């Protein structure tokens, strides 16, 4: 009988482990997005000790595919280009288009 129960117990343990990984990754994703919204550069966020200590390189690469993280990166890039556009317009003496 114990041989019949062992695979079930292992399956339950694996499921709980997978759930805890999902929760940790969700916290990390929220951290990344929050930091990007606060204006931190993406490279600085990914090098943050919180991210580095709670993830592996493989996990960080996978996190970059998450839609929330991608949207945060897009917003950061758009904001950087808006700043460049504003500087270029002022340098050229042309009014900024809204």
PDB file of N, CA and C in Angstrom:
ATOM      1  N   UNK A   1       0.811  -1.210   0.000  1.00  0.00           N
ATOM      2  CA  UNK A   1       0.000   0.000   0.000  1.00  0.00           C
ATOM      3  C   UNK A   1       0.847   1.264   0.000  1.00  0.00           C
ATOM      4  N   UNK A   2       1.955   1.351   0.772  1.00  0.00           N
ATOM      5  CA  UNK A   2       2.750   2.569   0.755  1.00  0.00           C
ATOM      6  C   UNK A   2       3.285   2.919  -0.634  1.00  0.00           C
ATOM      7  N   UNK A   3       3.569   1.915  -1.467  1.00  0.00           N
ATOM      8  CA  UNK A   3       4.052   2.184  -2.821  1.00  0.00           C
ATOM      9  C   UNK A   3       2.982   2.872  -3.665  1.00  0.00           C
ATOM     10  N   UNK A   4       1.715   2.601  -3.392  1.00  0.00           N
ATOM     11  CA  UNK A   4       0.615   3.214  -4.129  1.00  0.00           C
ATOM     12  C   UNK A   4       0.416   4.682  -3.730  1.00  0.00           C
ATOM     13  N   UNK A   5       0.721   5.007  -2.508  1.00  0.00           N
ATOM     14  CA  UNK A   5       0.500   6.349  -1.979  1.00  0.00           C
ATOM     15  C   UNK A   5       1.645   7.296  -2.360  1.00  0.00           C
ATOM     16  N   UNK A   6       2.827   6.779  -2.472  1.00  0.00           N
ATOM     17  CA  UNK A   6       3.996   7.627  -2.716  1.00  0.00           C
ATOM     18  C   UNK A   6       3.870   8.506  -3.972  1.00  0.00           C
ATOM     19  N   UNK A   7       3.422   7.974  -5.104  1.00  0.00           N
ATOM     20  CA  UNK A   7       3.271   8.853  -6.278  1.00  0.00           C
ATOM     21  C   UNK A   7       2.249   9.969  -6.066  1.00  0.00           C
ATOM     22  N   UNK A   8       1.206   9.665  -5.317  1.00  0.00           N
ATOM     23  CA  UNK A   8       0.188  10.678  -5.024  1.00  0.00           C
ATOM     24  C   UNK A   8       0.787  11.782  -4.155  1.00  0.00           C
ATOM     25  N   UNK A   9       1.527  11.384  -3.124  1.00  0.00           N
ATOM     26  CA  UNK A   9       2.162  12.359  -2.232  1.00  0.00           C
ATOM     27  C   UNK A   9       3.153  13.214  -3.019  1.00  0.00           C
ATOM     28  N   UNK A  10       3.965  12.590  -3.869  1.00  0.00           N
ATOM     29  CA  UNK A  10       4.924  13.341  -4.692  1.00  0.00           C
ATOM     30  C   UNK A  10       4.208  14.316  -5.620  1.00  0.00           C
ATOM     31  N   UNK A  11       3.091  13.871  -6.175  1.00  0.00           N
ATOM     32  CA  UNK A  11       2.306  14.745  -7.055  1.00  0.00           C
ATOM     33  C   UNK A  11       1.777  15.962  -6.318  1.00  0.00           C
ATOM     34  N   UNK A  12       1.288  15.753  -5.109  1.00  0.00           N
ATOM     35  CA  UNK A  12       0.787  16.866  -4.283  1.00  0.00           C
ATOM     36  C   UNK A  12       1.931  17.812  -3.930  1.00  0.00           C
ATOM     37  N   UNK A  13       3.071  17.264  -3.536  1.00  0.00           N
ATOM     38  CA  UNK A  13       4.230  18.103  -3.203  1.00  0.00           C
ATOM     39  C   UNK A  13       4.670  18.931  -4.412  1.00  0.00           C
ATOM     40  N   UNK A  14       4.711  18.316  -5.574  1.00  0.00           N
ATOM     41  CA  UNK A  14       5.102  19.048  -6.782  1.00  0.00           C
ATOM     42  C   UNK A  14       4.113  20.165  -7.101  1.00  0.00           C
ATOM     43  N   UNK A  15       2.841  19.889  -6.919  1.00  0.00           N
ATOM     44  CA  UNK A  15       1.821  20.913  -7.195  1.00  0.00           C
ATOM     45  C   UNK A  15       1.986  22.101  -6.249  1.00  0.00           C
ATOM     46  N   UNK A  16       2.193  21.859  -4.974  1.00  0.00           N
ATOM     47  CA  UNK A  16       2.406  22.957  -4.026  1.00  0.00           C
ATOM     48  C   UNK A  16       3.671  23.735  -4.366  1.00  0.00           C
ATOM     49  N   UNK A  17       4.723  23.026  -4.766  1.00  0.00           N
ATOM     50  CA  UNK A  17       5.956  23.707  -5.170  1.00  0.00           C
ATOM     51  C   UNK A  17       5.702  24.601  -6.379  1.00  0.00           C
ATOM     52  N   UNK A  18       4.956  24.097  -7.354  1.00  0.00           N
ATOM     53  CA  UNK A  18       4.643  24.885  -8.545  1.00  0.00           C
ATOM     54  C   UNK A  18       3.814  26.111  -8.187  1.00  0.00           C
ATOM     55  N   UNK A  19       2.864  25.954  -7.291  1.00  0.00           N
ATOM     56  CA  UNK A  19       2.045  27.093  -6.867  1.00  0.00           C
ATOM     57  C   UNK A  19       2.889  28.148  -6.167  1.00  0.00           C
ATOM     58  N   UNK A  20       3.830  27.728  -5.339  1.00  0.00           N
ATOM     59  CA  UNK A  20       4.665  28.707  -4.638  1.00  0.00           C
ATOM     60  C   UNK A  20       5.570  29.435  -5.622  1.00  0.00           C
ATOM     61  N   UNK A  21       6.026  28.762  -6.659  1.00  0.00           N
ATOM     62  CA  UNK A  21       6.831  29.418  -7.691  1.00  0.00           C
ATOM     63  C   UNK A  21       6.000  30.472  -8.390  1.00  0.00           C
ATOM     64  N   UNK A  22       4.747  30.159  -8.722  1.00  0.00           N
ATOM     65  CA  UNK A  22       3.872  31.119  -9.376  1.00  0.00           C
ATOM     66  C   UNK A  22       3.670  32.367  -8.520  1.00  0.00           C
ATOM     67  N   UNK A  23       3.483  32.196  -7.225  1.00  0.00           N
ATOM     68  CA  UNK A  23       3.273  33.322  -6.320  1.00  0.00           C
ATOM     69  C   UNK A  23       4.533  34.183  -6.253  1.00  0.00           C
ATOM     70  N   UNK A  24       5.701  33.544  -6.142  1.00  0.00           N
ATOM     71  CA  UNK A  24       6.954  34.308  -6.095  1.00  0.00           C
ATOM     72  C   UNK A  24       7.172  35.071  -7.387  1.00  0.00           C
ATOM     73  N   UNK A  25       6.930  34.427  -8.518  1.00  0.00           N
ATOM     74  CA  UNK A  25       7.119  35.104  -9.796  1.00  0.00           C
ATOM     75  C   UNK A  25       6.157  36.267  -9.947  1.00  0.00           C
ATOM     76  N   UNK A  26       4.927  36.108  -9.476  1.00  0.00           N
ATOM     77  CA  UNK A  26       3.955  37.198  -9.555  1.00  0.00           C
ATOM     78  C   UNK A  26       4.423  38.394  -8.722  1.00  0.00           C
ATOM     79  N   UNK A  27       4.971  38.134  -7.552  1.00  0.00           N
ATOM     80  CA  UNK A  27       5.504  39.225  -6.720  1.00  0.00           C
ATOM     81  C   UNK A  27       6.656  39.929  -7.424  1.00  0.00           C
ATOM     82  N   UNK A  28       7.500  39.156  -8.062  1.00  0.00           N
ATOM     83  CA  UNK A  28       8.643  39.731  -8.765  1.00  0.00           C
ATOM     84  C   UNK A  28       8.163  40.559  -9.954  1.00  0.00           C
ATOM     85  N   UNK A  29       7.181  40.058 -10.679  1.00  0.00           N
ATOM     86  CA  UNK A  29       6.623  40.806 -11.811  1.00  0.00           C
ATOM     87  C   UNK A  29       6.032  42.120 -11.331  1.00  0.00           C
ATOM     88  N   UNK A  30       5.287  42.072 -10.246  1.00  0.00           N
ATOM     89  CA  UNK A  30       4.712  43.314  -9.692  1.00  0.00           C
ATOM     90  C   UNK A  30       5.807  44.295  -9.281  1.00  0.00           C
ATOM     91  N   UNK A  31       6.882  43.779  -8.703  1.00  0.00           N
ATOM     92  CA  UNK A  31       8.007  44.633  -8.315  1.00  0.00           C
ATOM     93  C   UNK A  31       8.610  45.299  -9.548  1.00  0.00           C
ATOM     94  N   UNK A  32       8.855  44.526 -10.589  1.00  0.00           N
ATOM     95  CA  UNK A  32       9.452  45.070 -11.814  1.00  0.00           C
ATOM     96  C   UNK A  32       8.569  46.169 -12.392  1.00  0.00           C
ATOM     97  N   UNK A  33       7.288  45.876 -12.546  1.00  0.00           N
ATOM     98  CA  UNK A  33       6.366  46.842 -13.132  1.00  0.00           C
ATOM     99  C   UNK A  33       6.287  48.106 -12.283  1.00  0.00           C
ATOM    100  N   UNK A  34       6.217  47.946 -10.978  1.00  0.00           N
ATOM    101  CA  UNK A  34       6.148  49.114 -10.079  1.00  0.00           C
ATOM    102  C   UNK A  34       7.393  49.977 -10.213  1.00  0.00           C
ATOM    103  N   UNK A  35       8.555  49.336 -10.248  1.00  0.00           N
ATOM    104  CA  UNK A  35       9.805  50.088 -10.365  1.00  0.00           C
ATOM    105  C   UNK A  35       9.879  50.824 -11.703  1.00  0.00           C
ATOM    106  N   UNK A  36       9.441  50.180 -12.770  1.00  0.00           N
ATOM    107  CA  UNK A  36       9.438  50.836 -14.077  1.00  0.00           C
ATOM    108  C   UNK A  36       8.488  52.026 -14.078  1.00  0.00           C
ATOM    109  N   UNK A  37       7.333  51.877 -13.461  1.00  0.00           N
ATOM    110  CA  UNK A  37       6.364  52.984 -13.392  1.00  0.00           C
ATOM    111  C   UNK A  37       6.901  54.145 -12.563  1.00  0.00           C
ATOM    112  N   UNK A  38       7.781  53.850 -11.631  1.00  0.00           N
ATOM    113  CA  UNK A  38       8.381  54.906 -10.817  1.00  0.00           C
ATOM    114  C   UNK A  38       9.547  55.585 -11.529  1.00  0.00           C
ATOM    115  N   UNK A  39       9.841  55.136 -12.744  1.00  0.00           N
ATOM    116  CA  UNK A  39      10.862  55.798 -13.534  1.00  0.00           C
ATOM    117  C   UNK A  39      12.242  55.173 -13.488  1.00  0.00           C
ATOM    118  N   UNK A  40      12.400  54.050 -12.822  1.00  0.00           N
ATOM    119  CA  UNK A  40      13.711  53.398 -12.804  1.00  0.00           C
ATOM    120  C   UNK A  40      14.006  52.788 -14.164  1.00  0.00           C
ATOM    121  N   UNK A  41      15.245  52.844 -14.551  1.00  0.00           N
ATOM    122  CA  UNK A  41      15.663  52.240 -15.814  1.00  0.00           C
ATOM    123  C   UNK A  41      15.547  50.729 -15.719  1.00  0.00           C
ATOM    124  N   UNK A  42      15.168  50.112 -16.830  1.00  0.00           N
ATOM    125  CA  UNK A  42      14.956  48.672 -16.862  1.00  0.00           C
ATOM    126  C   UNK A  42      16.186  47.905 -16.404  1.00  0.00           C
ATOM    127  N   UNK A  43      17.364  48.274 -16.898  1.00  0.00           N
ATOM    128  CA  UNK A  43      18.592  47.564 -16.517  1.00  0.00           C
ATOM    129  C   UNK A  43      18.847  47.661 -15.016  1.00  0.00           C
ATOM    130  N   UNK A  44      18.539  48.811 -14.428  1.00  0.00           N
ATOM    131  CA  UNK A  44      18.717  48.972 -12.984  1.00  0.00           C
ATOM    132  C   UNK A  44      17.747  48.091 -12.208  1.00  0.00           C
ATOM    133  N   UNK A  45      16.524  48.006 -12.697  1.00  0.00           N
ATOM    134  CA  UNK A  45      15.523  47.170 -12.023  1.00  0.00           C
ATOM    135  C   UNK A  45      15.941  45.709 -12.062  1.00  0.00           C
ATOM    136  N   UNK A  46      16.382  45.240 -13.224  1.00  0.00           N
ATOM    137  CA  UNK A  46      16.749  43.831 -13.361  1.00  0.00           C
ATOM    138  C   UNK A  46      18.025  43.496 -12.587  1.00  0.00           C
ATOM    139  N   UNK A  47      18.840  44.496 -12.289  1.00  0.00           N
ATOM    140  CA  UNK A  47      20.058  44.272 -11.509  1.00  0.00           C
ATOM    141  C   UNK A  47      19.831  44.499 -10.014  1.00  0.00           C
ATOM    142  N   UNK A  48      18.620  44.885  -9.641  1.00  0.00           N
ATOM    143  CA  UNK A  48      18.275  45.133  -8.244  1.00  0.00           C
ATOM    144  C   UNK A  48      18.534  43.870  -7.421  1.00  0.00           C
ATOM    145  N   UNK A  49      19.032  44.054  -6.216  1.00  0.00           N
ATOM    146  CA  UNK A  49      19.365  42.902  -5.373  1.00  0.00           C
ATOM    147  C   UNK A  49      18.148  42.025  -5.082  1.00  0.00           C
ATOM    148  N   UNK A  50      16.959  42.617  -5.000  1.00  0.00           N
ATOM    149  CA  UNK A  50      15.742  41.833  -4.771  1.00  0.00           C
ATOM    150  C   UNK A  50      15.517  40.861  -5.931  1.00  0.00           C
ATOM    151  N   UNK A  51      15.645  41.347  -7.143  1.00  0.00           N
ATOM    152  CA  UNK A  51      15.433  40.510  -8.324  1.00  0.00           C
ATOM    153  C   UNK A  51      16.517  39.431  -8.411  1.00  0.00           C
ATOM    154  N   UNK A  52      17.755  39.851  -8.268  1.00  0.00           N
ATOM    155  CA  UNK A  52      18.878  38.917  -8.418  1.00  0.00           C
ATOM    156  C   UNK A  52      18.830  37.814  -7.365  1.00  0.00           C
ATOM    157  N   UNK A  53      18.487  38.174  -6.127  1.00  0.00           N
ATOM    158  CA  UNK A  53      18.505  37.175  -5.058  1.00  0.00           C
ATOM    159  C   UNK A  53      17.303  36.223  -5.095  1.00  0.00           C
ATOM    160  N   UNK A  54      16.233  36.610  -5.787  1.00  0.00           N
ATOM    161  CA  UNK A  54      15.038  35.774  -5.816  1.00  0.00           C
ATOM    162  C   UNK A  54      14.799  35.079  -7.159  1.00  0.00           C
ATOM    163  N   UNK A  55      15.724  35.228  -8.091  1.00  0.00           N
ATOM    164  CA  UNK A  55      15.541  34.601  -9.398  1.00  0.00           C
ATOM    165  C   UNK A  55      16.856  34.034  -9.919  1.00  0.00           C
ATOM    166  N   UNK A  56      16.727  33.210 -10.926  1.00  0.00           N
ATOM    167  CA  UNK A  56      17.892  32.731 -11.656  1.00  0.00           C
ATOM    168  C   UNK A  56      17.909  33.465 -12.998  1.00  0.00           C
ATOM    169  N   UNK A  57      19.006  33.318 -13.742  1.00  0.00           N
ATOM    170  CA  UNK A  57      19.065  33.943 -15.063  1.00  0.00           C
ATOM    171  C   UNK A  57      17.947  33.420 -15.959  1.00  0.00           C
ATOM    172  N   UNK A  58      17.665  32.150 -15.855  1.00  0.00           N
ATOM    173  CA  UNK A  58      16.599  31.543 -16.662  1.00  0.00           C
ATOM    174  C   UNK A  58      15.245  32.135 -16.297  1.00  0.00           C
ATOM    175  N   UNK A  59      15.001  32.290 -15.015  1.00  0.00           N
ATOM    176  CA  UNK A  59      13.737  32.873 -14.561  1.00  0.00           C
ATOM    177  C   UNK A  59      13.614  34.310 -15.035  1.00  0.00           C
ATOM    178  N   UNK A  60      14.687  35.085 -14.931  1.00  0.00           N
ATOM    179  CA  UNK A  60      14.651  36.478 -15.389  1.00  0.00           C
ATOM    180  C   UNK A  60      14.354  36.549 -16.878  1.00  0.00           C
ATOM    181  N   UNK A  61      14.930  35.667 -17.649  1.00  0.00           N
ATOM    182  CA  UNK A  61      14.660  35.647 -19.092  1.00  0.00           C
ATOM    183  C   UNK A  61      13.189  35.330 -19.353  1.00  0.00           C
ATOM    184  N   UNK A  62      12.635  34.387 -18.602  1.00  0.00           N
ATOM    185  CA  UNK A  62      11.226  34.027 -18.765  1.00  0.00           C
ATOM    186  C   UNK A  62      10.319  35.182 -18.333  1.00  0.00           C
ATOM    187  N   UNK A  63      10.703  35.904 -17.289  1.00  0.00           N
ATOM    188  CA  UNK A  63       9.898  37.030 -16.812  1.00  0.00           C
ATOM    189  C   UNK A  63       9.776  38.117 -17.873  1.00  0.00           C
ATOM    190  N   UNK A  64      10.784  38.243 -18.704  1.00  0.00           N
ATOM    191  CA  UNK A  64      10.752  39.265 -19.753  1.00  0.00           C
ATOM    192  C   UNK A  64       9.670  38.999 -20.787  1.00  0.00           C
ATOM    193  N   UNK A  65       9.130  37.794 -20.791  1.00  0.00           N
ATOM    194  CA  UNK A  65       8.067  37.457 -21.729  1.00  0.00           C
ATOM    195  C   UNK A  65       6.676  37.714 -21.149  1.00  0.00           C
ATOM    196  N   UNK A  66       6.615  38.079 -19.878  1.00  0.00           N
ATOM    197  CA  UNK A  66       5.318  38.304 -19.239  1.00  0.00           C
ATOM    198  C   UNK A  66       4.700  39.598 -19.784  1.00  0.00           C
ATOM    199  N   UNK A  67       3.413  39.588 -20.155  1.00  0.00           N
ATOM    200  CA  UNK A  67       2.780  40.772 -20.746  1.00  0.00           C
ATOM    201  C   UNK A  67       2.891  42.035 -19.892  1.00  0.00           C
ATOM    202  N   UNK A  68       2.768  41.931 -18.586  1.00  0.00           N
ATOM    203  CA  UNK A  68       2.867  43.115 -17.719  1.00  0.00           C
ATOM    204  C   UNK A  68       4.260  43.722 -17.767  1.00  0.00           C
ATOM    205  N   UNK A  69       5.264  42.876 -17.785  1.00  0.00           N
ATOM    206  CA  UNK A  69       6.647  43.358 -17.845  1.00  0.00           C
ATOM    207  C   UNK A  69       6.901  43.996 -19.205  1.00  0.00           C
ATOM    208  N   UNK A  70       6.434  43.361 -20.272  1.00  0.00           N
ATOM    209  CA  UNK A  70       6.608  43.925 -21.610  1.00  0.00           C
ATOM    210  C   UNK A  70       5.944  45.291 -21.726  1.00  0.00           C
ATOM    211  N   UNK A  71       4.755  45.429 -21.167  1.00  0.00           N
ATOM    212  CA  UNK A  71       4.056  46.715 -21.208  1.00  0.00           C
ATOM    213  C   UNK A  71       4.838  47.762 -20.424  1.00  0.00           C
ATOM    214  N   UNK A  72       5.367  47.396 -19.269  1.00  0.00           N
ATOM    215  CA  UNK A  72       6.181  48.328 -18.485  1.00  0.00           C
ATOM    216  C   UNK A  72       7.415  48.778 -19.240  1.00  0.00           C
ATOM    217  N   UNK A  73       8.043  47.853 -19.952  1.00  0.00           N
ATOM    218  CA  UNK A  73       9.223  48.191 -20.757  1.00  0.00           C
ATOM    219  C   UNK A  73       8.822  49.142 -21.886  1.00  0.00           C
ATOM    220  N   UNK A  74       7.699  48.858 -22.544  1.00  0.00           N
ATOM    221  CA  UNK A  74       7.230  49.724 -23.628  1.00  0.00           C
ATOM    222  C   UNK A  74       6.960  51.141 -23.130  1.00  0.00           C
ATOM    223  N   UNK A  75       6.352  51.249 -21.962  1.00  0.00           N
ATOM    224  CA  UNK A  75       6.069  52.572 -21.389  1.00  0.00           C
ATOM    225  C   UNK A  75       7.377  53.307 -21.103  1.00  0.00           C
ATOM    226  N   UNK A  76       8.368  52.587 -20.548  1.00  0.00           N
ATOM    227  CA  UNK A  76       9.660  53.208 -20.267  1.00  0.00           C
ATOM    228  C   UNK A  76      10.309  53.704 -21.559  1.00  0.00           C
ATOM    229  N   UNK A  77      10.309  52.888 -22.586  1.00  0.00           N
ATOM    230  CA  UNK A  77      10.924  53.277 -23.859  1.00  0.00           C
ATOM    231  C   UNK A  77      10.192  54.467 -24.466  1.00  0.00           C
ATOM    232  N   UNK A  78       8.872  54.434 -24.446  1.00  0.00           N
ATOM    233  CA  UNK A  78       8.080  55.534 -24.982  1.00  0.00           C
ATOM    234  C   UNK A  78       8.401  56.834 -24.244  1.00  0.00           C
ATOM    235  N   UNK A  79       8.500  56.777 -22.929  1.00  0.00           N
ATOM    236  CA  UNK A  79       8.818  57.970 -22.143  1.00  0.00           C
ATOM    237  C   UNK A  79      10.204  58.502 -22.486  1.00  0.00           C
ATOM    238  N   UNK A  80      11.163  57.605 -22.681  1.00  0.00           N
ATOM    239  CA  UNK A  80      12.508  58.049 -23.042  1.00  0.00           C
ATOM    240  C   UNK A  80      12.500  58.735 -24.400  1.00  0.00           C
ATOM    241  N   UNK A  81      11.778  58.181 -25.362  1.00  0.00           N
ATOM    242  CA  UNK A  81      11.728  58.795 -26.688  1.00  0.00           C
ATOM    243  C   UNK A  81      10.944  60.102 -26.664  1.00  0.00           C
ATOM    244  N   UNK A  82       9.927  60.209 -25.815  1.00  0.00           N
ATOM    245  CA  UNK A  82       9.213  61.474 -25.668  1.00  0.00           C
ATOM    246  C   UNK A  82      10.156  62.561 -25.178  1.00  0.00           C
ATOM    247  N   UNK A  83      11.033  62.214 -24.237  1.00  0.00           N
ATOM    248  CA  UNK A  83      12.021  63.175 -23.748  1.00  0.00           C
ATOM    249  C   UNK A  83      12.954  63.592 -24.869  1.00  0.00           C
ATOM    250  N   UNK A  84      13.410  62.642 -25.671  1.00  0.00           N
ATOM    251  CA  UNK A  84      14.301  62.965 -26.789  1.00  0.00           C
ATOM    252  C   UNK A  84      13.587  63.832 -27.819  1.00  0.00           C
ATOM    253  N   UNK A  85      12.343  63.507 -28.111  1.00  0.00           N
ATOM    254  CA  UNK A  85      11.575  64.273 -29.085  1.00  0.00           C
ATOM    255  C   UNK A  85      11.408  65.707 -28.600  1.00  0.00           C
ATOM    256  N   UNK A  86      11.108  65.866 -27.312  1.00  0.00           N
ATOM    257  CA  UNK A  86      10.935  67.196 -26.741  1.00  0.00           C
ATOM    258  C   UNK A  86      12.220  68.005 -26.860  1.00  0.00           C
ATOM    259  N   UNK A  87      13.348  67.402 -26.545  1.00  0.00           N
ATOM    260  CA  UNK A  87      14.635  68.093 -26.644  1.00  0.00           C
ATOM    261  C   UNK A  87      14.932  68.455 -28.083  1.00  0.00           C
ATOM    262  N   UNK A  88      14.665  67.558 -29.010  1.00  0.00           N
ATOM    263  CA  UNK A  88      14.931  67.817 -30.429  1.00  0.00           C
ATOM    264  C   UNK A  88      14.064  68.955 -30.948  1.00  0.00           C
ATOM    265  N   UNK A  89      12.808  68.981 -30.563  1.00  0.00           N
ATOM    266  CA  UNK A  89      11.917  70.056 -31.006  1.00  0.00           C
ATOM    267  C   UNK A  89      12.365  71.403 -30.454  1.00  0.00           C
ATOM    268  N   UNK A  90      12.746  71.443 -29.205  1.00  0.00           N
ATOM    269  CA  UNK A  90      13.195  72.701 -28.608  1.00  0.00           C
ATOM    270  C   UNK A  90      14.499  73.168 -29.244  1.00  0.00           C
ATOM    271  N   UNK A  91      15.392  72.242 -29.548  1.00  0.00           N
ATOM    272  CA  UNK A  91      16.677  72.584 -30.167  1.00  0.00           C
ATOM    273  C   UNK A  91      16.455  73.135 -31.571  1.00  0.00           C
ATOM    274  N   UNK A  92      15.460  72.596 -32.276  1.00  0.00           N
ATOM    275  CA  UNK A  92      15.194  73.035 -33.647  1.00  0.00           C
ATOM    276  C   UNK A  92      14.330  74.275 -33.680  1.00  0.00           C
ATOM    277  N   UNK A  93      13.796  74.660 -32.541  1.00  0.00           N
ATOM    278  CA  UNK A  93      12.949  75.860 -32.470  1.00  0.00           C
ATOM    279  C   UNK A  93      11.554  75.626 -32.978  1.00  0.00           C
ATOM    280  N   UNK A  94      11.140  74.389 -33.067  1.00  0.00           N
ATOM    281  CA  UNK A  94       9.777  74.088 -33.529  1.00  0.00           C
ATOM    282  C   UNK A  94       8.902  73.768 -32.329  1.00  0.00           C
ATOM    283  N   UNK A  95       7.659  74.168 -32.420  1.00  0.00           N
ATOM    284  CA  UNK A  95       6.754  73.865 -31.286  1.00  0.00           C
ATOM    285  C   UNK A  95       6.490  72.365 -31.223  1.00  0.00           C
ATOM    286  N   UNK A  96       6.256  71.907 -30.011  1.00  0.00           N
ATOM    287  CA  UNK A  96       5.994  70.490 -29.770  1.00  0.00           C
ATOM    288  C   UNK A  96       4.596  70.138 -30.227  1.00  0.00           C
ATOM    289  N   UNK A  97       4.461  69.035 -30.923  1.00  0.00           N
ATOM    290  CA  UNK A  97       3.141  68.567 -31.351  1.00  0.00           C
ATOM    291  C   UNK A  97       2.551  67.693 -30.262  1.00  0.00           C
ATOM    292  N   UNK A  98       1.263  67.855 -29.990  1.00  0.00           N
ATOM    293  CA  UNK A  98       0.591  67.037 -28.964  1.00  0.00           C
ATOM    294  C   UNK A  98      -0.088  65.883 -29.574  1.00  0.00           C
TER     295      UNK A  98
END
